[in-house]
Protein backbone atom coordinates (compact mmCIF):
# COMPACT_ATOMS: atom_id res chain seq x y z
CA MET A 1 -0.05 0.03 0.10
CA THR A 2 2.85 2.03 1.04
CA LYS A 3 4.48 1.62 -2.50
CA ASN A 4 1.27 2.30 -4.28
CA LYS A 5 1.01 5.40 -2.63
CA LYS A 6 4.59 6.53 -3.40
CA LEU A 7 4.18 5.60 -7.13
CA ILE A 8 1.14 7.75 -7.53
CA ALA A 9 2.60 10.84 -5.46
CA ALA A 10 5.53 10.47 -8.19
CA ILE A 11 3.20 10.58 -11.06
CA VAL A 12 1.59 13.60 -9.62
CA ALA A 13 4.61 15.37 -9.10
CA ILE A 14 5.84 14.37 -12.61
CA VAL A 15 2.76 15.97 -14.28
CA LEU A 16 2.91 19.19 -11.92
CA VAL A 17 6.49 19.80 -13.22
CA LEU A 18 5.48 19.18 -16.87
CA VAL A 19 2.56 21.49 -16.63
CA ALA A 20 4.91 24.14 -15.31
CA ALA A 21 7.54 23.73 -17.50
CA GLY A 22 4.76 23.88 -20.33
CA ILE A 23 3.49 27.16 -19.04
CA LEU A 24 7.31 28.43 -18.82
CA PHE A 25 7.89 27.54 -22.37
CA PHE A 26 5.04 29.29 -23.79
CA SER A 27 5.77 32.18 -21.49
CA ILE A 28 9.12 32.58 -22.42
CA ARG A 29 8.17 31.67 -26.27
CA SER A 30 5.39 34.41 -26.53
CA GLY A 31 7.71 37.49 -25.43
CA THR A 32 6.96 41.15 -25.14
CA VAL A 33 8.47 42.04 -28.85
CA ALA A 34 7.16 41.32 -32.18
CA SER A 35 9.14 39.21 -35.01
CA SER A 36 11.03 41.63 -37.10
CA ILE A 37 9.74 42.09 -40.55
CA SER A 38 11.25 44.41 -43.29
CA ILE A 39 9.81 47.21 -44.72
CA GLU A 40 9.00 45.64 -48.17
CA ASN A 41 7.00 42.40 -46.61
CA ALA A 42 5.09 44.87 -44.00
CA GLU A 43 4.08 46.99 -47.08
CA GLU A 44 3.24 43.44 -49.12
CA LEU A 45 1.11 42.32 -46.14
CA LEU A 46 -0.71 45.95 -45.34
CA ASN A 47 -2.01 46.17 -49.09
CA LYS A 48 -2.73 42.09 -49.14
CA THR A 49 -4.93 42.57 -45.54
CA PHE A 50 -6.68 45.51 -47.32
CA ASP A 51 -7.32 44.56 -50.95
CA ASP A 52 -9.00 41.11 -49.39
CA MET A 53 -11.62 43.54 -47.79
CA ALA A 54 -12.73 44.36 -51.47
CA LYS A 55 -15.73 42.12 -52.67
CA THR A 56 -17.77 44.11 -54.85
CA LYS A 57 -17.35 45.86 -58.21
CA PRO A 58 -17.27 49.29 -56.53
CA LEU A 59 -14.58 48.31 -53.75
CA ILE A 60 -12.45 46.18 -56.47
CA ALA A 61 -12.37 49.25 -58.34
CA LEU A 62 -11.16 51.39 -55.30
CA ALA A 63 -8.66 48.54 -54.17
CA GLU A 64 -7.15 48.59 -57.83
CA LYS A 65 -6.31 52.27 -57.67
CA ASN A 66 -4.97 52.62 -53.70
CA TYR A 67 -1.62 51.75 -52.43
CA ILE A 68 -0.02 51.65 -48.79
CA ARG A 69 3.46 52.82 -48.71
CA VAL A 70 5.50 52.04 -45.64
CA ASN A 71 7.49 54.56 -44.35
CA SER A 72 9.02 53.55 -41.08
CA LEU A 73 8.46 50.48 -38.47
CA ASP A 74 8.54 51.15 -34.76
CA TYR A 75 8.38 48.01 -32.86
CA GLY A 76 6.09 48.10 -29.34
CA SER A 77 6.28 46.21 -26.06
CA GLU A 78 2.77 44.47 -26.67
CA LYS A 79 4.15 41.91 -29.56
CA ASN A 80 2.75 44.81 -31.99
CA ILE A 81 4.73 46.78 -35.24
CA ILE A 82 3.40 50.38 -35.45
CA VAL A 83 3.61 51.00 -39.01
CA ASP A 84 3.86 54.77 -40.28
CA CYS A 85 2.21 54.92 -43.65
CA THR A 86 1.03 57.15 -46.65
CA VAL A 87 -2.17 56.01 -47.94
CA ALA A 88 -2.88 57.07 -51.67
CA THR A 89 -6.39 56.32 -52.69
CA LEU A 90 -9.58 57.79 -54.05
CA ASP A 91 -11.63 60.09 -52.15
CA ALA A 92 -15.12 57.98 -52.88
CA TYR A 93 -17.06 59.80 -50.36
CA SER A 94 -16.68 63.10 -52.22
CA VAL A 95 -18.36 61.81 -55.21
CA ILE A 96 -20.94 59.45 -54.12
CA SER A 97 -22.22 61.28 -50.83
CA PRO A 98 -23.92 64.11 -52.84
CA ASN A 99 -25.44 61.60 -55.21
CA TYR A 100 -27.67 59.78 -51.95
CA SER A 101 -30.58 60.80 -53.34
CA GLU A 102 -30.16 58.65 -56.74
CA PHE A 103 -30.12 55.58 -55.05
CA LEU A 104 -32.49 56.28 -52.27
CA SER A 105 -35.34 57.90 -53.87
CA SER A 106 -38.62 56.33 -54.63
CA ASP A 107 -38.04 56.09 -58.05
CA ALA A 108 -34.76 54.18 -57.35
CA LYS A 109 -36.44 51.79 -55.28
CA LYS A 110 -38.30 50.30 -58.28
CA LEU A 111 -37.08 47.64 -60.62
CA GLY A 112 -39.32 46.36 -63.44
CA GLY A 113 -42.08 48.41 -61.83
CA ALA A 114 -41.72 46.42 -58.25
CA MET A 115 -40.17 47.72 -55.07
CA PHE A 116 -37.14 45.86 -54.02
CA LYS A 117 -37.78 42.71 -52.39
CA SER A 118 -34.05 42.23 -50.98
CA ALA A 119 -30.95 43.85 -50.56
CA LEU A 120 -29.56 41.66 -53.30
CA ASN A 121 -31.73 43.60 -56.15
CA PHE A 122 -30.34 46.77 -55.14
CA LYS A 123 -26.91 45.64 -55.55
CA MET A 124 -27.51 44.42 -58.90
CA GLU A 125 -28.85 47.40 -60.08
CA PHE A 126 -26.61 50.03 -58.81
CA GLU A 127 -23.39 48.25 -58.47
CA ASP A 128 -22.20 49.46 -61.98
CA ARG A 129 -23.41 52.95 -61.16
CA LEU A 130 -21.25 52.80 -57.90
CA THR A 131 -18.51 51.77 -59.85
CA GLU A 132 -18.40 54.37 -62.14
CA LEU A 133 -18.67 56.94 -59.38
CA VAL A 134 -15.49 55.43 -57.56
CA ASN A 135 -13.79 55.45 -60.68
CA SER A 136 -14.39 59.20 -61.15
CA ALA A 137 -13.12 60.07 -57.71
CA PRO A 138 -9.87 62.15 -57.29
CA GLU A 139 -6.92 60.95 -55.82
CA ILE A 140 -6.10 61.80 -52.14
CA THR A 141 -3.08 60.96 -50.15
CA LYS A 142 -3.02 60.58 -46.20
CA ASN A 143 -0.61 59.41 -43.52
CA ILE A 144 -1.76 57.25 -40.98
CA SER A 145 -0.31 54.64 -38.38
CA ILE A 146 -1.15 50.83 -38.66
CA VAL A 147 -0.49 48.19 -36.10
CA ILE A 148 0.70 45.02 -36.94
CA TYR A 149 0.49 42.00 -34.39
CA ASP A 150 2.45 38.94 -33.86
CA THR A 151 0.25 36.32 -32.95
CA GLN A 152 1.04 32.81 -32.32
CA ASP A 153 -1.39 30.81 -34.42
CA GLN A 154 -1.59 32.92 -37.17
CA GLY A 155 1.57 34.84 -37.25
CA LEU A 156 1.53 38.63 -38.31
CA VAL A 157 -1.83 40.11 -38.39
CA VAL A 158 -2.80 43.65 -39.33
CA TYR A 159 -5.15 45.12 -36.96
CA SER A 160 -7.99 46.66 -39.17
CA ASP A 161 -9.98 49.18 -37.19
CA ALA A 162 -12.92 51.17 -38.68
CA GLN A 163 -10.93 54.26 -38.62
CA THR A 164 -7.92 52.48 -40.60
CA VAL A 165 -10.33 51.03 -43.14
CA ASP A 166 -12.14 54.38 -43.68
CA VAL A 167 -8.98 55.82 -44.97
CA VAL A 168 -7.42 53.12 -46.96
CA TYR A 169 -11.21 52.98 -48.75
CA GLY A 170 -11.77 56.98 -49.05
CA GLY A 171 -14.41 57.36 -46.50
CA LEU A 172 -16.31 54.42 -47.57
CA ILE A 173 -17.04 53.28 -43.88
CA THR A 174 -18.14 57.06 -42.77
CA MET A 175 -20.52 56.60 -45.62
CA ALA A 176 -21.92 53.32 -44.93
CA ASP A 177 -22.55 54.40 -41.23
CA GLU A 178 -24.38 57.41 -42.46
CA VAL A 179 -26.65 55.10 -44.86
CA ASP A 180 -27.32 53.16 -42.06
CA LYS A 181 -28.86 55.82 -39.74
CA MET A 182 -30.60 57.36 -42.77
CA THR A 183 -34.38 57.29 -42.31
CA HIS A 184 -35.06 60.52 -44.78
CA TYR A 185 -33.29 61.60 -47.95
CA THR A 186 -33.19 65.11 -49.53
CA VAL A 187 -33.95 66.17 -53.14
CA ILE A 188 -34.61 69.22 -54.85
CA GLU A 189 -37.90 70.35 -56.18
CA ASN A 190 -38.55 73.57 -57.70
CA GLY A 191 -35.77 75.10 -56.35
CA ALA A 192 -36.10 73.84 -52.83
CA GLU A 193 -34.52 70.95 -50.64
CA VAL A 194 -37.67 68.18 -50.00
CA GLU A 195 -37.18 65.66 -47.59
CA HIS A 196 -38.70 62.03 -48.39
CA GLN A 197 -38.84 59.16 -46.33
CA ILE A 198 -37.12 55.94 -47.10
CA GLU A 199 -39.69 53.10 -47.43
CA THR A 200 -37.92 49.93 -47.24
CA ASN A 201 -34.65 49.30 -45.18
CA ASN A 202 -33.65 47.09 -48.23
CA VAL A 203 -32.31 50.15 -49.99
CA ASN A 204 -30.18 51.08 -47.08
CA LYS A 205 -28.86 47.36 -46.69
CA GLY A 206 -28.11 47.30 -50.48
CA PHE A 207 -26.39 50.36 -50.75
CA ILE A 208 -23.89 49.48 -47.79
CA GLN A 209 -23.19 45.79 -49.41
CA CYS A 210 -22.06 47.68 -52.20
CA ILE A 211 -19.93 49.92 -50.49
CA ALA A 212 -18.72 48.62 -47.11
CA PRO A 213 -15.65 46.48 -46.93
CA ARG A 214 -15.78 43.61 -45.17
CA TYR A 215 -13.26 43.57 -42.13
CA SER A 216 -12.85 42.60 -38.56
CA ALA A 217 -12.05 45.43 -35.86
CA ASP A 218 -11.37 42.70 -33.25
CA LYS A 219 -8.08 43.48 -31.56
CA PRO A 220 -5.52 40.27 -32.47
CA ASP A 221 -5.16 38.08 -29.52
CA THR A 222 -1.18 37.94 -29.06
CA SER A 223 -1.26 36.27 -25.49
CA THR A 224 -0.14 32.40 -25.03
CA VAL A 225 -2.37 29.59 -25.99
CA LEU A 226 -3.12 28.62 -22.11
CA ILE A 227 -3.69 32.35 -21.33
CA ARG A 228 -6.03 32.75 -24.48
CA PHE A 229 -7.70 29.32 -23.61
CA TRP A 230 -8.32 30.45 -20.08
CA ASN A 231 -9.73 33.87 -21.48
CA ASP A 232 -12.03 31.93 -23.48
CA LEU A 233 -12.98 30.09 -21.00
CA LYS A 234 -14.00 32.92 -18.72
CA ASP A 235 -15.89 34.67 -21.54
CA ASP A 236 -17.96 31.44 -22.23
CA PHE A 237 -18.84 30.99 -18.63
CA HIS A 238 -19.88 34.87 -18.43
CA LYS A 239 -22.11 34.69 -21.59
CA ASN A 240 -23.36 31.20 -20.81
CA PHE A 241 -24.18 32.01 -16.93
CA ILE A 242 -23.64 35.64 -15.76
CA GLU A 243 -25.68 37.17 -18.88
CA HIS A 244 -29.19 37.75 -18.35
CA ASP A 245 -28.66 35.79 -15.30
CA ARG A 246 -29.08 32.58 -17.05
CA TRP A 247 -27.68 30.75 -13.61
CA LEU A 248 -31.12 31.24 -12.67
CA THR A 249 -32.15 29.06 -15.37
CA ILE A 250 -30.02 26.14 -14.17
CA LEU A 251 -31.14 26.63 -10.56
CA LYS A 252 -34.92 26.44 -11.58
CA GLY A 253 -34.07 23.21 -13.64
CA LEU A 254 -32.13 21.91 -10.76
CA ALA A 255 -35.23 22.30 -8.50
CA VAL A 256 -37.74 20.64 -10.86
CA THR A 257 -35.20 17.60 -11.27
CA ILE A 258 -34.82 17.03 -7.73
CA GLU A 259 -38.87 17.23 -7.19
CA LEU A 260 -39.57 15.37 -9.92
CA THR A 261 -36.77 12.44 -8.75
CA VAL A 262 -38.24 12.43 -4.94
CA CYS A 263 -41.86 12.23 -6.19
CA ALA A 264 -41.15 9.21 -8.99
CA LEU A 265 -39.31 7.59 -6.08
CA LEU A 266 -41.96 7.94 -3.34
CA ILE A 267 -44.50 6.65 -6.37
CA GLY A 268 -41.79 3.69 -7.16
CA ILE A 269 -41.16 2.55 -3.73
CA VAL A 270 -45.14 2.07 -2.68
CA LEU A 271 -46.19 0.37 -5.96
CA GLY A 272 -42.57 -1.66 -5.92
CA PHE A 273 -43.83 -3.03 -2.39
CA ILE A 274 -46.93 -3.86 -3.57
CA ILE A 275 -46.27 -5.45 -6.44
CA ALA A 276 -43.29 -7.53 -4.48
CA PHE A 277 -45.84 -8.38 -1.68
CA VAL A 278 -48.31 -9.75 -4.21
CA ARG A 279 -45.69 -11.87 -6.40
CA CYS A 280 -43.89 -13.13 -3.16
CA THR A 281 -47.38 -14.12 -1.73
CA TYR A 282 -48.49 -15.69 -4.83
CA ASP A 283 -45.07 -18.02 -5.05
CA LYS A 284 -45.27 -19.01 -1.17
CA LEU A 285 -48.88 -19.86 -1.12
CA SER A 286 -49.83 -23.45 -2.17
CA LYS A 287 -53.22 -22.81 -3.25
CA PRO A 288 -53.36 -19.03 -4.38
CA GLY A 289 -56.78 -17.64 -4.82
CA ILE A 290 -58.22 -16.46 -8.41
CA LEU A 291 -57.96 -12.83 -7.14
CA LEU A 292 -54.34 -13.27 -6.21
CA SER A 293 -53.62 -14.84 -9.62
CA ILE A 294 -55.11 -12.22 -11.58
CA PHE A 295 -52.88 -9.52 -9.47
CA ASN A 296 -49.79 -11.76 -10.20
CA SER A 297 -50.75 -11.96 -13.66
CA ILE A 298 -51.10 -8.04 -14.50
CA SER A 299 -47.99 -7.38 -12.23
CA LYS A 300 -45.79 -9.69 -14.53
CA LEU A 301 -47.50 -8.28 -17.24
CA TYR A 302 -46.75 -4.90 -15.75
CA LEU A 303 -42.79 -5.89 -15.01
CA THR A 304 -42.37 -7.50 -18.80
CA VAL A 305 -43.86 -4.22 -20.33
CA VAL A 306 -41.71 -1.58 -18.16
CA ARG A 307 -38.29 -3.38 -17.88
CA GLY A 308 -38.72 -4.37 -21.78
CA THR A 309 -39.26 -0.86 -23.31
CA PRO A 310 -36.83 2.19 -23.07
CA VAL A 311 -37.68 4.46 -20.57
CA VAL A 312 -37.66 7.51 -22.96
CA VAL A 313 -40.63 5.45 -25.21
CA GLN A 314 -42.54 5.32 -21.77
CA ILE A 315 -42.32 8.83 -21.14
CA MET A 316 -43.09 9.93 -24.64
CA ILE A 317 -46.42 7.57 -25.20
CA ILE A 318 -47.55 8.76 -21.50
CA TYR A 319 -47.53 11.94 -22.10
CA PHE A 320 -47.96 12.72 -25.98
CA VAL A 321 -50.35 9.81 -26.14
CA ILE A 322 -52.31 9.56 -23.03
CA PHE A 323 -52.13 12.74 -20.91
CA MET A 324 -51.50 15.74 -23.40
CA PRO A 325 -55.04 15.10 -24.94
CA MET A 326 -56.52 14.95 -21.37
CA GLY A 327 -54.77 18.31 -20.58
CA VAL A 328 -52.49 16.71 -17.76
CA ASN A 329 -49.16 18.90 -17.15
CA LYS A 330 -45.77 17.76 -18.20
CA PHE A 331 -44.53 17.32 -14.78
CA LEU A 332 -47.55 14.93 -13.62
CA ALA A 333 -46.84 12.85 -16.51
CA ALA A 334 -43.34 12.73 -15.61
CA VAL A 335 -43.76 11.85 -12.26
CA ILE A 336 -46.19 9.09 -13.22
CA CYS A 337 -43.97 7.76 -16.18
CA PHE A 338 -40.96 7.44 -13.88
CA GLY A 339 -42.77 6.29 -10.52
CA LEU A 340 -43.83 3.28 -13.11
CA ASN A 341 -40.64 2.72 -14.32
CA SER A 342 -39.26 3.02 -10.89
CA GLY A 343 -41.61 0.59 -9.32
CA ALA A 344 -40.78 -2.10 -11.80
CA TYR A 345 -37.10 -2.24 -10.64
CA VAL A 346 -37.82 -1.55 -7.01
CA ALA A 347 -40.30 -4.48 -6.88
CA GLU A 348 -37.77 -7.01 -8.16
CA ILE A 349 -35.31 -5.67 -5.81
CA VAL A 350 -37.74 -6.10 -2.95
CA ARG A 351 -39.01 -9.31 -4.25
CA GLY A 352 -35.29 -10.71 -4.20
CA GLY A 353 -35.11 -9.59 -0.61
CA ILE A 354 -38.25 -11.22 0.54
CA MET A 355 -37.13 -14.59 -1.21
CA SER A 356 -33.79 -14.12 0.65
CA VAL A 357 -35.22 -14.44 4.25
CA ASP A 358 -35.01 -17.98 5.20
CA ASP A 359 -38.36 -19.86 4.99
CA GLY A 360 -37.87 -20.70 8.81
CA GLN A 361 -38.50 -17.01 9.76
CA THR A 362 -42.06 -17.27 8.31
CA GLU A 363 -42.42 -20.83 10.09
CA ALA A 364 -40.99 -19.62 13.37
CA GLY A 365 -43.96 -16.46 13.13
CA ARG A 366 -46.59 -18.88 12.19
CA SER A 367 -45.50 -20.82 15.42
CA LEU A 368 -45.67 -17.84 17.57
CA GLY A 369 -49.11 -17.13 16.65
CA PHE A 370 -48.84 -14.66 14.12
CA GLY A 371 -50.91 -14.78 10.81
CA TYR A 372 -49.54 -14.59 7.11
CA MET A 373 -49.75 -10.85 7.23
CA ALA A 374 -48.54 -10.23 10.73
CA THR A 375 -45.80 -12.53 9.86
CA MET A 376 -44.65 -10.69 6.56
CA TYR A 377 -44.97 -6.96 8.30
CA HIS A 378 -43.20 -8.27 11.49
CA ILE A 379 -40.93 -10.40 10.49
CA VAL A 380 -40.15 -10.78 7.09
CA PHE A 381 -40.29 -7.28 6.04
CA PRO A 382 -37.70 -5.62 8.29
CA GLN A 383 -35.29 -8.75 7.49
CA ALA A 384 -35.50 -8.20 3.35
CA PHE A 385 -35.64 -4.34 3.76
CA LYS A 386 -32.31 -4.15 5.67
CA ALA A 387 -30.97 -6.43 2.85
CA VAL A 388 -32.31 -4.54 -0.14
CA LEU A 389 -31.62 -1.02 1.52
CA PRO A 390 -28.49 -0.41 -0.34
CA ALA A 391 -29.72 -1.46 -3.66
CA LEU A 392 -32.99 1.01 -3.12
CA ALA A 393 -30.59 3.56 -2.60
CA ASN A 394 -28.70 2.72 -5.91
CA GLU A 395 -31.97 3.10 -7.48
CA PHE A 396 -32.59 6.25 -6.35
CA VAL A 397 -29.16 7.00 -7.94
CA VAL A 398 -30.09 5.73 -11.32
CA LEU A 399 -33.81 7.32 -11.27
CA LEU A 400 -31.78 10.63 -10.93
CA LYS A 401 -29.94 10.40 -13.78
CA GLU A 402 -33.11 8.86 -15.87
CA THR A 403 -35.00 12.03 -15.08
CA SER A 404 -32.76 13.84 -17.68
CA ILE A 405 -34.86 12.59 -20.67
CA ALA A 406 -37.92 14.66 -19.21
CA PHE A 407 -36.87 17.13 -21.82
CA TYR A 408 -38.03 15.25 -24.71
CA ILE A 409 -41.68 16.17 -23.52
CA GLY A 410 -40.19 19.87 -22.89
CA LEU A 411 -40.40 19.81 -19.10
CA GLY A 412 -38.00 22.49 -17.64
CA ASP A 413 -35.86 19.99 -15.88
CA LEU A 414 -31.95 20.71 -15.81
CA MET A 415 -31.18 19.08 -18.91
CA TYR A 416 -33.67 21.26 -20.61
CA ALA A 417 -32.16 24.30 -18.81
CA GLY A 418 -28.85 23.33 -20.44
CA ASN A 419 -30.26 23.20 -23.98
CA ALA A 420 -32.21 26.38 -23.48
CA ILE A 421 -28.79 28.29 -22.76
CA ARG A 422 -27.20 26.44 -25.17
CA ALA A 423 -29.92 27.27 -27.96
CA ALA A 424 -29.65 31.22 -26.93
CA THR A 425 -25.70 31.61 -26.84
CA TYR A 426 -24.69 28.84 -29.12
CA SER A 427 -22.08 27.78 -27.18
CA ALA A 428 -22.63 23.97 -26.54
CA PHE A 429 -19.39 23.55 -24.22
CA MET A 430 -20.20 25.42 -21.31
CA PRO A 431 -23.95 24.79 -20.61
CA LEU A 432 -23.66 20.87 -21.30
CA ILE A 433 -20.30 20.66 -18.88
CA ALA A 434 -22.09 22.48 -16.56
CA VAL A 435 -25.10 20.34 -17.06
CA ALA A 436 -23.18 17.24 -16.56
CA ILE A 437 -20.95 18.45 -13.56
CA ILE A 438 -23.92 19.19 -11.21
CA TYR A 439 -25.47 15.38 -12.03
CA LEU A 440 -22.12 14.03 -11.42
CA ILE A 441 -21.80 16.01 -7.81
CA MET A 442 -25.30 14.83 -7.11
CA VAL A 443 -24.49 11.36 -7.88
CA LEU A 444 -21.27 11.32 -6.32
CA GLY A 445 -23.00 12.77 -2.92
CA LEU A 446 -25.76 9.98 -3.15
CA SER A 447 -23.45 7.26 -3.96
CA LYS A 448 -21.10 8.43 -0.85
CA LEU A 449 -24.46 8.35 1.51
CA VAL A 450 -25.01 4.79 -0.03
CA SER A 451 -21.57 3.31 0.93
CA ILE A 452 -21.74 4.97 4.53
CA LEU A 453 -25.19 3.45 4.71
CA GLU A 454 -24.07 -0.06 3.68
CA LYS A 455 -21.28 0.24 6.22
CA LYS A 456 -23.25 0.51 9.13
CA LEU A 457 -25.19 -2.12 7.99
CA ARG A 458 -22.33 -4.34 7.86
CA ASN A 459 -21.10 -3.06 11.32
CA ASN A 460 -24.86 -3.58 13.13
CA GLU A 461 -24.60 -7.31 11.32
CA ARG A 462 -21.40 -7.62 13.45
């Protein structure tokens, strides 16, 4: 035993040393200064990054005309490179913004005599016109600073914030923001400005799709793999449980699960003892009556059906086929289903305990003047109950886990709560892991109580 403990301690120590060495390795590897890069390579990276943002004809036309020239590189202390640049581009804003009314007016919204039904219709109709305006835009140059970050998984990544993209693409981000907020447009009628309402959002959306570059304004993550994993884990936890108090959903589901388990167990114990008594009485009596034979046949049929079919099928039949047309609520249907299911297994557990009691105990009771019922109640049942108590406790543990399928009928139990959070956050890992951990904690706690109970029963027997 001592050797095993030493071996386990040595393995744990080795694992901890390896983990510490890994953390140290990643920390040293990450550093604080970005990898060096030449001005030519930085210039190529910047131009490629911003050219890749162009997905429509107007943007492609503008991307072919603009160019970013790198003047100098300055290495920062956050694994970043501050690049001083001169951007030569086209002033697209100056030629398109005065023509908003051309694209947003009522006439512009009609294609073939019908109102635009989607932003794609607008894009198909006016993409060439916007390209024509972009090609007519005057050239401009601006000096800006662009930051490049050195990441572990993607290498050197350009930080393309909105302000930088707006400069490179001649004010198109500013234009997209303006159009997105517009509800009216202005036209000159009879020498006076007249406002008209934009009748559909498809016009705004189509306009923005034509002129807005596709980019991500998220700052690249330069942290180590472990730190990034930890940060992602914290963000995932906050999103799934802290935001909108979603932890209350888990708490409510846990309360329903515990309540369902307890109610079903009570039904299962009562029903199981009754079925076990009927079957044992039928087996012990030499000449059972007709009524007892009928009850025994019903009990055997009940045990065969319940133990021979999956519980998920049982709960769906009981609710959707039987109780839902009658207007019975989901919780009651689930309690009855799990109670009936548990009763079948409790019956066999108790029957095995009763049959394990020596027949001499029954004969001794009868010799003392007890009737059959009194003998079973005062002599047989106490001994059988003591023998089957650990098995009954394990049945409680099994029943607790089986109730997780109640979400199939829409009951708001713990599993249903986890799925509800997963559907709201589109995150499968955290909600399901949380549900699994809660079930595991409850099962481990109950299993510990069962082991304590078994130990006390063994001590009492001595």
